[in-house]
Full PDB file with SEQRES, HELIX, SHEET, SSBOND, CRYST1, ORIGX, SCALE, CONECT and MASTER records, all heavy atoms in Angstrom:
SEQRES   1 A   36  LYS ASN ARG ARG GLU HIS SER SER HIS ALA GLY ASP GLU          
SEQRES   2 A   36  ILE ALA LEU ASP GLN PRO GLU LYS GLY LEU LEU ILE LEU          
SEQRES   3 A   36  ASP LYS GLU ARG ARG LEU VAL TYR SER LEU                      
HELIX    1 AA1 ASN A    2  GLU A    5  1                                   4    
SHEET    1 AA1 3 ASP A  12  ILE A  14  0                                        
SHEET    2 AA1 3 LEU A  24  ASP A  27 -1                                        
SHEET    3 AA1 3 LEU A  32  TYR A  34 -1                                        
CRYST1    1.000    1.000    1.000  90.00  90.00  90.00 P 1           1          
ORIGX1      1.000000  0.000000  0.000000        0.00000                         
ORIGX2      0.000000  1.000000  0.000000        0.00000                         
ORIGX3      0.000000  0.000000  1.000000        0.00000                         
SCALE1      1.000000  0.000000  0.000000        0.00000                         
SCALE2      0.000000  1.000000  0.000000        0.00000                         
SCALE3      0.000000  0.000000  1.000000        0.00000                         
ATOM      1  N   LYS A   1       3.290  57.599 -14.555  1.00  0.00           N  
ATOM      2  CA  LYS A   1       4.495  57.247 -15.359  1.00  0.00           C  
ATOM      3  C   LYS A   1       5.699  57.066 -14.459  1.00  0.00           C  
ATOM      4  O   LYS A   1       6.528  56.131 -14.724  1.00  0.00           O  
ATOM      5  CB  LYS A   1       4.731  58.349 -16.391  1.00  0.00           C  
ATOM      6  CG  LYS A   1       3.752  58.319 -17.553  1.00  0.00           C  
ATOM      7  CD  LYS A   1       4.157  59.149 -18.707  1.00  0.00           C  
ATOM      8  CE  LYS A   1       4.185  60.653 -18.373  1.00  0.00           C  
ATOM      9  NZ  LYS A   1       4.463  61.501 -19.536  1.00  0.00           N  
ATOM     10  N   ASN A   2       5.828  57.859 -13.422  1.00  0.00           N  
ATOM     11  CA  ASN A   2       6.992  57.717 -12.539  1.00  0.00           C  
ATOM     12  C   ASN A   2       6.911  56.400 -11.787  1.00  0.00           C  
ATOM     13  O   ASN A   2       7.971  55.796 -11.560  1.00  0.00           O  
ATOM     14  CB  ASN A   2       7.035  58.917 -11.578  1.00  0.00           C  
ATOM     15  CG  ASN A   2       7.449  60.202 -12.221  1.00  0.00           C  
ATOM     16  OD1 ASN A   2       8.103  60.206 -13.266  1.00  0.00           O  
ATOM     17  ND2 ASN A   2       7.055  61.326 -11.635  1.00  0.00           N  
ATOM     18  N   ARG A   3       5.758  56.019 -11.401  1.00  0.00           N  
ATOM     19  CA  ARG A   3       5.599  54.742 -10.668  1.00  0.00           C  
ATOM     20  C   ARG A   3       6.015  53.555 -11.620  1.00  0.00           C  
ATOM     21  O   ARG A   3       6.695  52.612 -11.120  1.00  0.00           O  
ATOM     22  CB  ARG A   3       4.174  54.546 -10.236  1.00  0.00           C  
ATOM     23  CG  ARG A   3       3.861  55.267  -8.971  1.00  0.00           C  
ATOM     24  CD  ARG A   3       2.580  54.743  -8.327  1.00  0.00           C  
ATOM     25  NE  ARG A   3       1.460  54.635  -9.272  1.00  0.00           N  
ATOM     26  CZ  ARG A   3       0.258  54.136  -8.888  1.00  0.00           C  
ATOM     27  NH1 ARG A   3       0.001  53.804  -7.707  1.00  0.00           N  
ATOM     28  NH2 ARG A   3      -0.673  54.077  -9.802  1.00  0.00           N  
ATOM     29  N   ARG A   4       5.680  53.680 -12.845  1.00  0.00           N  
ATOM     30  CA  ARG A   4       6.057  52.652 -13.811  1.00  0.00           C  
ATOM     31  C   ARG A   4       7.541  52.506 -13.963  1.00  0.00           C  
ATOM     32  O   ARG A   4       8.111  51.400 -14.069  1.00  0.00           O  
ATOM     33  CB  ARG A   4       5.380  52.865 -15.150  1.00  0.00           C  
ATOM     34  CG  ARG A   4       3.870  52.731 -15.114  1.00  0.00           C  
ATOM     35  CD  ARG A   4       3.302  53.227 -16.406  1.00  0.00           C  
ATOM     36  NE  ARG A   4       1.860  53.345 -16.347  1.00  0.00           N  
ATOM     37  CZ  ARG A   4       1.126  53.919 -17.252  1.00  0.00           C  
ATOM     38  NH1 ARG A   4       1.689  54.469 -18.333  1.00  0.00           N  
ATOM     39  NH2 ARG A   4      -0.176  54.060 -17.128  1.00  0.00           N  
ATOM     40  N   GLU A   5       8.208  53.659 -14.012  1.00  0.00           N  
ATOM     41  CA  GLU A   5       9.618  53.658 -14.240  1.00  0.00           C  
ATOM     42  C   GLU A   5      10.399  53.042 -13.078  1.00  0.00           C  
ATOM     43  O   GLU A   5      11.494  52.541 -13.249  1.00  0.00           O  
ATOM     44  CB  GLU A   5      10.111  55.108 -14.380  1.00  0.00           C  
ATOM     45  CG  GLU A   5       9.694  55.686 -15.745  1.00  0.00           C  
ATOM     46  CD  GLU A   5      10.079  57.215 -15.851  1.00  0.00           C  
ATOM     47  OE1 GLU A   5      10.655  57.747 -14.904  1.00  0.00           O  
ATOM     48  OE2 GLU A   5       9.756  57.824 -16.855  1.00  0.00           O  
ATOM     49  N   HIS A   6       9.801  53.041 -11.895  1.00  0.00           N  
ATOM     50  CA  HIS A   6      10.433  52.410 -10.719  1.00  0.00           C  
ATOM     51  C   HIS A   6      10.003  51.001 -10.444  1.00  0.00           C  
ATOM     52  O   HIS A   6      10.336  50.405  -9.440  1.00  0.00           O  
ATOM     53  CB  HIS A   6      10.131  53.302  -9.493  1.00  0.00           C  
ATOM     54  CG  HIS A   6      10.845  54.603  -9.492  1.00  0.00           C  
ATOM     55  ND1 HIS A   6      10.319  55.760 -10.078  1.00  0.00           N  
ATOM     56  CD2 HIS A   6      12.111  54.963  -9.001  1.00  0.00           C  
ATOM     57  CE1 HIS A   6      11.178  56.732  -9.915  1.00  0.00           C  
ATOM     58  NE2 HIS A   6      12.262  56.283  -9.324  1.00  0.00           N  
ATOM     59  N   SER A   7       9.133  50.439 -11.358  1.00  0.00           N  
ATOM     60  CA  SER A   7       8.724  49.073 -11.125  1.00  0.00           C  
ATOM     61  C   SER A   7       9.917  48.140 -11.403  1.00  0.00           C  
ATOM     62  O   SER A   7      10.766  48.440 -12.256  1.00  0.00           O  
ATOM     63  CB  SER A   7       7.548  48.718 -12.104  1.00  0.00           C  
ATOM     64  OG  SER A   7       7.954  48.804 -13.398  1.00  0.00           O  
ATOM     65  N   SER A   8       9.915  47.014 -10.698  1.00  0.00           N  
ATOM     66  CA  SER A   8      11.082  46.141 -10.812  1.00  0.00           C  
ATOM     67  C   SER A   8      10.685  44.784 -11.292  1.00  0.00           C  
ATOM     68  O   SER A   8       9.492  44.563 -11.609  1.00  0.00           O  
ATOM     69  CB  SER A   8      11.760  45.957  -9.385  1.00  0.00           C  
ATOM     70  OG  SER A   8      10.799  45.522  -8.469  1.00  0.00           O  
ATOM     71  N   HIS A   9      11.634  43.889 -11.393  1.00  0.00           N  
ATOM     72  CA  HIS A   9      11.410  42.481 -11.792  1.00  0.00           C  
ATOM     73  C   HIS A   9      10.961  42.324 -13.237  1.00  0.00           C  
ATOM     74  O   HIS A   9       9.832  41.995 -13.523  1.00  0.00           O  
ATOM     75  CB  HIS A   9      10.455  41.736 -10.902  1.00  0.00           C  
ATOM     76  CG  HIS A   9      10.793  41.856  -9.446  1.00  0.00           C  
ATOM     77  ND1 HIS A   9      12.018  41.484  -8.965  1.00  0.00           N  
ATOM     78  CD2 HIS A   9      10.069  42.272  -8.406  1.00  0.00           C  
ATOM     79  CE1 HIS A   9      12.034  41.661  -7.635  1.00  0.00           C  
ATOM     80  NE2 HIS A   9      10.883  42.150  -7.276  1.00  0.00           N  
ATOM     81  N   ALA A  10      11.880  42.606 -14.167  1.00  0.00           N  
ATOM     82  CA  ALA A  10      11.552  42.347 -15.578  1.00  0.00           C  
ATOM     83  C   ALA A  10      11.435  40.852 -15.844  1.00  0.00           C  
ATOM     84  O   ALA A  10      12.213  40.047 -15.318  1.00  0.00           O  
ATOM     85  CB  ALA A  10      12.631  42.963 -16.471  1.00  0.00           C  
ATOM     86  N   GLY A  11      10.491  40.468 -16.640  1.00  0.00           N  
ATOM     87  CA  GLY A  11      10.378  39.099 -17.004  1.00  0.00           C  
ATOM     88  C   GLY A  11       9.760  38.167 -15.980  1.00  0.00           C  
ATOM     89  O   GLY A  11      10.277  37.100 -15.736  1.00  0.00           O  
ATOM     90  N   ASP A  12       8.716  38.572 -15.372  1.00  0.00           N  
ATOM     91  CA  ASP A  12       8.051  37.741 -14.403  1.00  0.00           C  
ATOM     92  C   ASP A  12       7.141  36.740 -15.126  1.00  0.00           C  
ATOM     93  O   ASP A  12       6.333  37.142 -15.938  1.00  0.00           O  
ATOM     94  CB  ASP A  12       7.120  38.594 -13.454  1.00  0.00           C  
ATOM     95  CG  ASP A  12       7.955  39.403 -12.461  1.00  0.00           C  
ATOM     96  OD1 ASP A  12       9.192  39.134 -12.409  1.00  0.00           O  
ATOM     97  OD2 ASP A  12       7.390  40.205 -11.819  1.00  0.00           O  
ATOM     98  N   GLU A  13       7.297  35.449 -14.818  1.00  0.00           N  
ATOM     99  CA  GLU A  13       6.498  34.457 -15.384  1.00  0.00           C  
ATOM    100  C   GLU A  13       5.479  33.987 -14.371  1.00  0.00           C  
ATOM    101  O   GLU A  13       5.824  33.701 -13.253  1.00  0.00           O  
ATOM    102  CB  GLU A  13       7.272  33.258 -15.964  1.00  0.00           C  
ATOM    103  CG  GLU A  13       6.381  32.175 -16.558  1.00  0.00           C  
ATOM    104  CD  GLU A  13       7.162  31.133 -17.300  1.00  0.00           C  
ATOM    105  OE1 GLU A  13       8.282  31.393 -17.688  1.00  0.00           O  
ATOM    106  OE2 GLU A  13       6.580  30.044 -17.491  1.00  0.00           O  
ATOM    107  N   ILE A  14       4.241  33.887 -14.749  1.00  0.00           N  
ATOM    108  CA  ILE A  14       3.181  33.518 -13.817  1.00  0.00           C  
ATOM    109  C   ILE A  14       2.865  32.012 -14.088  1.00  0.00           C  
ATOM    110  O   ILE A  14       2.434  31.647 -15.185  1.00  0.00           O  
ATOM    111  CB  ILE A  14       1.922  34.364 -14.049  1.00  0.00           C  
ATOM    112  CG1 ILE A  14       2.342  35.856 -14.236  1.00  0.00           C  
ATOM    113  CG2 ILE A  14       0.940  34.185 -12.956  1.00  0.00           C  
ATOM    114  CD1 ILE A  14       3.218  36.348 -13.083  1.00  0.00           C  
ATOM    115  N   ALA A  15       2.966  31.185 -13.039  1.00  0.00           N  
ATOM    116  CA  ALA A  15       2.639  29.790 -13.165  1.00  0.00           C  
ATOM    117  C   ALA A  15       1.166  29.599 -12.865  1.00  0.00           C  
ATOM    118  O   ALA A  15       0.745  29.593 -11.734  1.00  0.00           O  
ATOM    119  CB  ALA A  15       3.481  28.953 -12.199  1.00  0.00           C  
ATOM    120  N   LEU A  16       0.436  29.438 -13.954  1.00  0.00           N  
ATOM    121  CA  LEU A  16      -1.062  29.418 -13.797  1.00  0.00           C  
ATOM    122  C   LEU A  16      -1.560  27.952 -13.699  1.00  0.00           C  
ATOM    123  O   LEU A  16      -0.820  27.031 -14.050  1.00  0.00           O  
ATOM    124  CB  LEU A  16      -1.699  30.141 -14.975  1.00  0.00           C  
ATOM    125  CG  LEU A  16      -1.278  31.584 -15.185  1.00  0.00           C  
ATOM    126  CD1 LEU A  16      -1.885  32.091 -16.469  1.00  0.00           C  
ATOM    127  CD2 LEU A  16      -1.688  32.411 -14.005  1.00  0.00           C  
ATOM    128  N   ASP A  17      -2.790  27.780 -13.265  1.00  0.00           N  
ATOM    129  CA  ASP A  17      -3.368  26.444 -13.229  1.00  0.00           C  
ATOM    130  C   ASP A  17      -3.785  26.008 -14.592  1.00  0.00           C  
ATOM    131  O   ASP A  17      -4.995  25.771 -14.879  1.00  0.00           O  
ATOM    132  CB  ASP A  17      -4.640  26.466 -12.319  1.00  0.00           C  
ATOM    133  CG  ASP A  17      -4.293  26.727 -10.843  1.00  0.00           C  
ATOM    134  OD1 ASP A  17      -3.107  26.447 -10.494  1.00  0.00           O  
ATOM    135  OD2 ASP A  17      -5.116  27.194 -10.105  1.00  0.00           O  
ATOM    136  N   GLN A  18      -2.824  25.907 -15.469  1.00  0.00           N  
ATOM    137  CA  GLN A  18      -3.094  25.466 -16.821  1.00  0.00           C  
ATOM    138  C   GLN A  18      -1.859  24.570 -17.220  1.00  0.00           C  
ATOM    139  O   GLN A  18      -0.751  24.780 -16.797  1.00  0.00           O  
ATOM    140  CB  GLN A  18      -3.200  26.636 -17.800  1.00  0.00           C  
ATOM    141  CG  GLN A  18      -4.344  27.599 -17.506  1.00  0.00           C  
ATOM    142  CD  GLN A  18      -5.670  26.949 -17.929  1.00  0.00           C  
ATOM    143  OE1 GLN A  18      -5.736  26.083 -18.774  1.00  0.00           O  
ATOM    144  NE2 GLN A  18      -6.745  27.345 -17.254  1.00  0.00           N  
ATOM    145  N   PRO A  19      -2.092  23.594 -18.158  1.00  0.00           N  
ATOM    146  CA  PRO A  19      -0.982  22.740 -18.526  1.00  0.00           C  
ATOM    147  C   PRO A  19       0.054  23.400 -19.401  1.00  0.00           C  
ATOM    148  O   PRO A  19       1.198  22.943 -19.466  1.00  0.00           O  
ATOM    149  CB  PRO A  19      -1.688  21.599 -19.341  1.00  0.00           C  
ATOM    150  CG  PRO A  19      -2.951  22.266 -19.819  1.00  0.00           C  
ATOM    151  CD  PRO A  19      -3.369  23.226 -18.745  1.00  0.00           C  
ATOM    152  N   GLU A  20      -0.262  24.472 -20.084  1.00  0.00           N  
ATOM    153  CA  GLU A  20       0.649  25.116 -20.994  1.00  0.00           C  
ATOM    154  C   GLU A  20       1.735  25.918 -20.287  1.00  0.00           C  
ATOM    155  O   GLU A  20       1.435  26.703 -19.400  1.00  0.00           O  
ATOM    156  CB  GLU A  20      -0.133  26.065 -21.961  1.00  0.00           C  
ATOM    157  CG  GLU A  20      -1.113  25.393 -22.856  1.00  0.00           C  
ATOM    158  CD  GLU A  20      -2.518  25.447 -22.244  1.00  0.00           C  
ATOM    159  OE1 GLU A  20      -2.601  25.635 -21.020  1.00  0.00           O  
ATOM    160  OE2 GLU A  20      -3.443  25.273 -22.984  1.00  0.00           O  
ATOM    161  N   LYS A  21       2.973  25.769 -20.658  1.00  0.00           N  
ATOM    162  CA  LYS A  21       4.057  26.511 -20.148  1.00  0.00           C  
ATOM    163  C   LYS A  21       4.055  27.874 -20.827  1.00  0.00           C  
ATOM    164  O   LYS A  21       3.833  28.038 -22.016  1.00  0.00           O  
ATOM    165  CB  LYS A  21       5.387  25.815 -20.407  1.00  0.00           C  
ATOM    166  CG  LYS A  21       6.632  26.570 -19.960  1.00  0.00           C  
ATOM    167  CD  LYS A  21       6.750  26.591 -18.439  1.00  0.00           C  
ATOM    168  CE  LYS A  21       8.072  27.203 -18.017  1.00  0.00           C  
ATOM    169  NZ  LYS A  21       8.169  27.335 -16.541  1.00  0.00           N  
ATOM    170  N   GLY A  22       4.346  28.891 -20.062  1.00  0.00           N  
ATOM    171  CA  GLY A  22       4.423  30.286 -20.633  1.00  0.00           C  
ATOM    172  C   GLY A  22       3.067  30.825 -20.994  1.00  0.00           C  
ATOM    173  O   GLY A  22       2.983  31.571 -21.955  1.00  0.00           O  
ATOM    174  N   LEU A  23       2.051  30.484 -20.204  1.00  0.00           N  
ATOM    175  CA  LEU A  23       0.744  30.991 -20.527  1.00  0.00           C  
ATOM    176  C   LEU A  23       0.632  32.506 -20.363  1.00  0.00           C  
ATOM    177  O   LEU A  23      -0.045  33.175 -21.124  1.00  0.00           O  
ATOM    178  CB  LEU A  23      -0.297  30.315 -19.583  1.00  0.00           C  
ATOM    179  CG  LEU A  23      -1.751  30.441 -19.962  1.00  0.00           C  
ATOM    180  CD1 LEU A  23      -1.970  29.945 -21.366  1.00  0.00           C  
ATOM    181  CD2 LEU A  23      -2.647  29.738 -18.979  1.00  0.00           C  
ATOM    182  N   LEU A  24       1.413  33.050 -19.385  1.00  0.00           N  
ATOM    183  CA  LEU A  24       1.421  34.470 -19.173  1.00  0.00           C  
ATOM    184  C   LEU A  24       2.799  34.893 -18.727  1.00  0.00           C  
ATOM    185  O   LEU A  24       3.261  34.465 -17.696  1.00  0.00           O  
ATOM    186  CB  LEU A  24       0.343  34.937 -18.202  1.00  0.00           C  
ATOM    187  CG  LEU A  24       0.309  36.441 -17.915  1.00  0.00           C  
ATOM    188  CD1 LEU A  24      -0.049  37.234 -19.169  1.00  0.00           C  
ATOM    189  CD2 LEU A  24      -0.673  36.731 -16.812  1.00  0.00           C  
ATOM    190  N   ILE A  25       3.447  35.727 -19.508  1.00  0.00           N  
ATOM    191  CA  ILE A  25       4.762  36.303 -19.097  1.00  0.00           C  
ATOM    192  C   ILE A  25       4.719  37.819 -19.243  1.00  0.00           C  
ATOM    193  O   ILE A  25       4.310  38.316 -20.327  1.00  0.00           O  
ATOM    194  CB  ILE A  25       5.913  35.731 -20.000  1.00  0.00           C  
ATOM    195  CG1 ILE A  25       5.997  34.221 -19.841  1.00  0.00           C  
ATOM    196  CG2 ILE A  25       7.257  36.367 -19.570  1.00  0.00           C  
ATOM    197  CD1 ILE A  25       7.037  33.554 -20.744  1.00  0.00           C  
ATOM    198  N   LEU A  26       5.061  38.520 -18.204  1.00  0.00           N  
ATOM    199  CA  LEU A  26       5.110  40.007 -18.243  1.00  0.00           C  
ATOM    200  C   LEU A  26       6.551  40.464 -18.188  1.00  0.00           C  
ATOM    201  O   LEU A  26       7.302  40.109 -17.239  1.00  0.00           O  
ATOM    202  CB  LEU A  26       4.359  40.574 -17.039  1.00  0.00           C  
ATOM    203  CG  LEU A  26       2.917  40.168 -16.823  1.00  0.00           C  
ATOM    204  CD1 LEU A  26       2.302  40.976 -15.652  1.00  0.00           C  
ATOM    205  CD2 LEU A  26       2.066  40.430 -18.065  1.00  0.00           C  
ATOM    206  N   ASP A  27       6.960  41.183 -19.207  1.00  0.00           N  
ATOM    207  CA  ASP A  27       8.262  41.867 -19.193  1.00  0.00           C  
ATOM    208  C   ASP A  27       8.025  43.277 -18.691  1.00  0.00           C  
ATOM    209  O   ASP A  27       7.653  44.162 -19.431  1.00  0.00           O  
ATOM    210  CB  ASP A  27       8.837  41.870 -20.594  1.00  0.00           C  
ATOM    211  CG  ASP A  27      10.232  42.465 -20.649  1.00  0.00           C  
ATOM    212  OD1 ASP A  27      10.570  43.250 -19.738  1.00  0.00           O  
ATOM    213  OD2 ASP A  27      11.014  42.174 -21.586  1.00  0.00           O  
ATOM    214  N   LYS A  28       8.239  43.508 -17.372  1.00  0.00           N  
ATOM    215  CA  LYS A  28       7.885  44.778 -16.774  1.00  0.00           C  
ATOM    216  C   LYS A  28       8.853  45.853 -17.195  1.00  0.00           C  
ATOM    217  O   LYS A  28       8.471  47.052 -17.156  1.00  0.00           O  
ATOM    218  CB  LYS A  28       7.832  44.627 -15.259  1.00  0.00           C  
ATOM    219  CG  LYS A  28       6.675  43.717 -14.798  1.00  0.00           C  
ATOM    220  CD  LYS A  28       6.557  43.772 -13.314  1.00  0.00           C  
ATOM    221  CE  LYS A  28       5.385  42.935 -12.856  1.00  0.00           C  
ATOM    222  NZ  LYS A  28       5.167  42.935 -11.414  1.00  0.00           N  
ATOM    223  N   GLU A  29      10.058  45.583 -17.513  1.00  0.00           N  
ATOM    224  CA  GLU A  29      11.026  46.570 -17.918  1.00  0.00           C  
ATOM    225  C   GLU A  29      10.626  47.186 -19.232  1.00  0.00           C  
ATOM    226  O   GLU A  29      10.651  48.382 -19.452  1.00  0.00           O  
ATOM    227  CB  GLU A  29      12.402  46.008 -18.032  1.00  0.00           C  
ATOM    228  CG  GLU A  29      13.527  47.025 -18.271  1.00  0.00           C  
ATOM    229  CD  GLU A  29      14.890  46.421 -18.196  1.00  0.00           C  
ATOM    230  OE1 GLU A  29      15.467  46.395 -17.051  1.00  0.00           O  
ATOM    231  OE2 GLU A  29      15.360  45.993 -19.212  1.00  0.00           O  
ATOM    232  N   ARG A  30      10.231  46.371 -20.178  1.00  0.00           N  
ATOM    233  CA  ARG A  30       9.812  46.834 -21.510  1.00  0.00           C  
ATOM    234  C   ARG A  30       8.316  46.944 -21.644  1.00  0.00           C  
ATOM    235  O   ARG A  30       7.800  47.372 -22.706  1.00  0.00           O  
ATOM    236  CB  ARG A  30      10.368  45.911 -22.627  1.00  0.00           C  
ATOM    237  CG  ARG A  30      11.874  45.941 -22.693  1.00  0.00           C  
ATOM    238  CD  ARG A  30      12.394  45.089 -23.802  1.00  0.00           C  
ATOM    239  NE  ARG A  30      12.071  43.681 -23.641  1.00  0.00           N  
ATOM    240  CZ  ARG A  30      12.108  42.759 -24.604  1.00  0.00           C  
ATOM    241  NH1 ARG A  30      12.444  43.051 -25.821  1.00  0.00           N  
ATOM    242  NH2 ARG A  30      11.797  41.493 -24.300  1.00  0.00           N  
ATOM    243  N   ARG A  31       7.554  46.569 -20.543  1.00  0.00           N  
ATOM    244  CA  ARG A  31       6.105  46.610 -20.545  1.00  0.00           C  
ATOM    245  C   ARG A  31       5.501  45.826 -21.785  1.00  0.00           C  
ATOM    246  O   ARG A  31       4.721  46.338 -22.502  1.00  0.00           O  
ATOM    247  CB  ARG A  31       5.622  48.065 -20.527  1.00  0.00           C  
ATOM    248  CG  ARG A  31       6.145  48.848 -19.350  1.00  0.00           C  
ATOM    249  CD  ARG A  31       5.463  50.189 -19.178  1.00  0.00           C  
ATOM    250  NE  ARG A  31       4.094  50.118 -18.842  1.00  0.00           N  
ATOM    251  CZ  ARG A  31       3.642  49.834 -17.599  1.00  0.00           C  
ATOM    252  NH1 ARG A  31       4.493  49.637 -16.615  1.00  0.00           N  
ATOM    253  NH2 ARG A  31       2.325  49.750 -17.387  1.00  0.00           N  
ATOM    254  N   LEU A  32       5.925  44.586 -21.849  1.00  0.00           N  
ATOM    255  CA  LEU A  32       5.446  43.697 -22.890  1.00  0.00           C  
ATOM    256  C   LEU A  32       4.760  42.485 -22.227  1.00  0.00           C  
ATOM    257  O   LEU A  32       5.109  42.082 -21.113  1.00  0.00           O  
ATOM    258  CB  LEU A  32       6.578  43.208 -23.819  1.00  0.00           C  
ATOM    259  CG  LEU A  32       7.327  44.312 -24.581  1.00  0.00           C  
ATOM    260  CD1 LEU A  32       8.492  43.690 -25.361  1.00  0.00           C  
ATOM    261  CD2 LEU A  32       6.388  45.013 -25.498  1.00  0.00           C  
ATOM    262  N   VAL A  33       3.789  41.887 -22.974  1.00  0.00           N  
ATOM    263  CA  VAL A  33       3.068  40.706 -22.503  1.00  0.00           C  
ATOM    264  C   VAL A  33       3.187  39.636 -23.528  1.00  0.00           C  
ATOM    265  O   VAL A  33       3.049  39.880 -24.732  1.00  0.00           O  
ATOM    266  CB  VAL A  33       1.544  41.083 -22.286  1.00  0.00           C  
ATOM    267  CG1 VAL A  33       0.811  39.783 -21.920  1.00  0.00           C  
ATOM    268  CG2 VAL A  33       1.427  42.123 -21.195  1.00  0.00           C  
ATOM    269  N   TYR A  34       3.523  38.425 -23.039  1.00  0.00           N  
ATOM    270  CA  TYR A  34       3.635  37.258 -23.928  1.00  0.00           C  
ATOM    271  C   TYR A  34       2.728  36.141 -23.416  1.00  0.00           C  
ATOM    272  O   TYR A  34       2.520  35.965 -22.197  1.00  0.00           O  
ATOM    273  CB  TYR A  34       5.052  36.728 -23.980  1.00  0.00           C  
ATOM    274  CG  TYR A  34       6.019  37.711 -24.527  1.00  0.00           C  
ATOM    275  CD1 TYR A  34       6.716  38.586 -23.658  1.00  0.00           C  
ATOM    276  CD2 TYR A  34       6.342  37.762 -25.874  1.00  0.00           C  
ATOM    277  CE1 TYR A  34       7.627  39.497 -24.132  1.00  0.00           C  
ATOM    278  CE2 TYR A  34       7.230  38.695 -26.392  1.00  0.00           C  
ATOM    279  CZ  TYR A  34       7.911  39.576 -25.496  1.00  0.00           C  
ATOM    280  OH  TYR A  34       8.735  40.480 -25.993  1.00  0.00           O  
ATOM    281  N   SER A  35       2.119  35.408 -24.341  1.00  0.00           N  
ATOM    282  CA  SER A  35       1.336  34.222 -24.022  1.00  0.00           C  
ATOM    283  C   SER A  35       1.618  33.147 -25.007  1.00  0.00           C  
ATOM    284  O   SER A  35       1.482  33.356 -26.209  1.00  0.00           O  
ATOM    285  CB  SER A  35      -0.170  34.560 -24.001  1.00  0.00           C  
ATOM    286  OG  SER A  35      -0.927  33.440 -23.640  1.00  0.00           O  
ATOM    287  N   LEU A  36       2.056  32.021 -24.488  1.00  0.00           N  
ATOM    288  CA  LEU A  36       2.377  30.824 -25.385  1.00  0.00           C  
ATOM    289  C   LEU A  36       3.316  31.220 -26.479  1.00  0.00           C  
ATOM    290  O   LEU A  36       3.206  30.820 -27.622  1.00  0.00           O  
ATOM    291  CB  LEU A  36       1.092  30.246 -25.932  1.00  0.00           C  
ATOM    292  CG  LEU A  36       0.064  29.735 -24.861  1.00  0.00           C  
ATOM    293  CD1 LEU A  36      -1.179  29.236 -25.556  1.00  0.00           C  
ATOM    294  CD2 LEU A  36       0.687  28.640 -23.976  1.00  0.00           C  
TER     295      LEU A  36                                                      
MASTER        0    0    0    1    3    0    0    6  294    1    0    3          
END                                                                             
């Protein structure tokens, strides 16, 4: 849990080999995952 609290870079978007924009977005601050 302590390691998670010190994680940085909220809102990292991963540019994947797929045509869709926003295929995978990780909000590390709030620990949320979005896809499309």
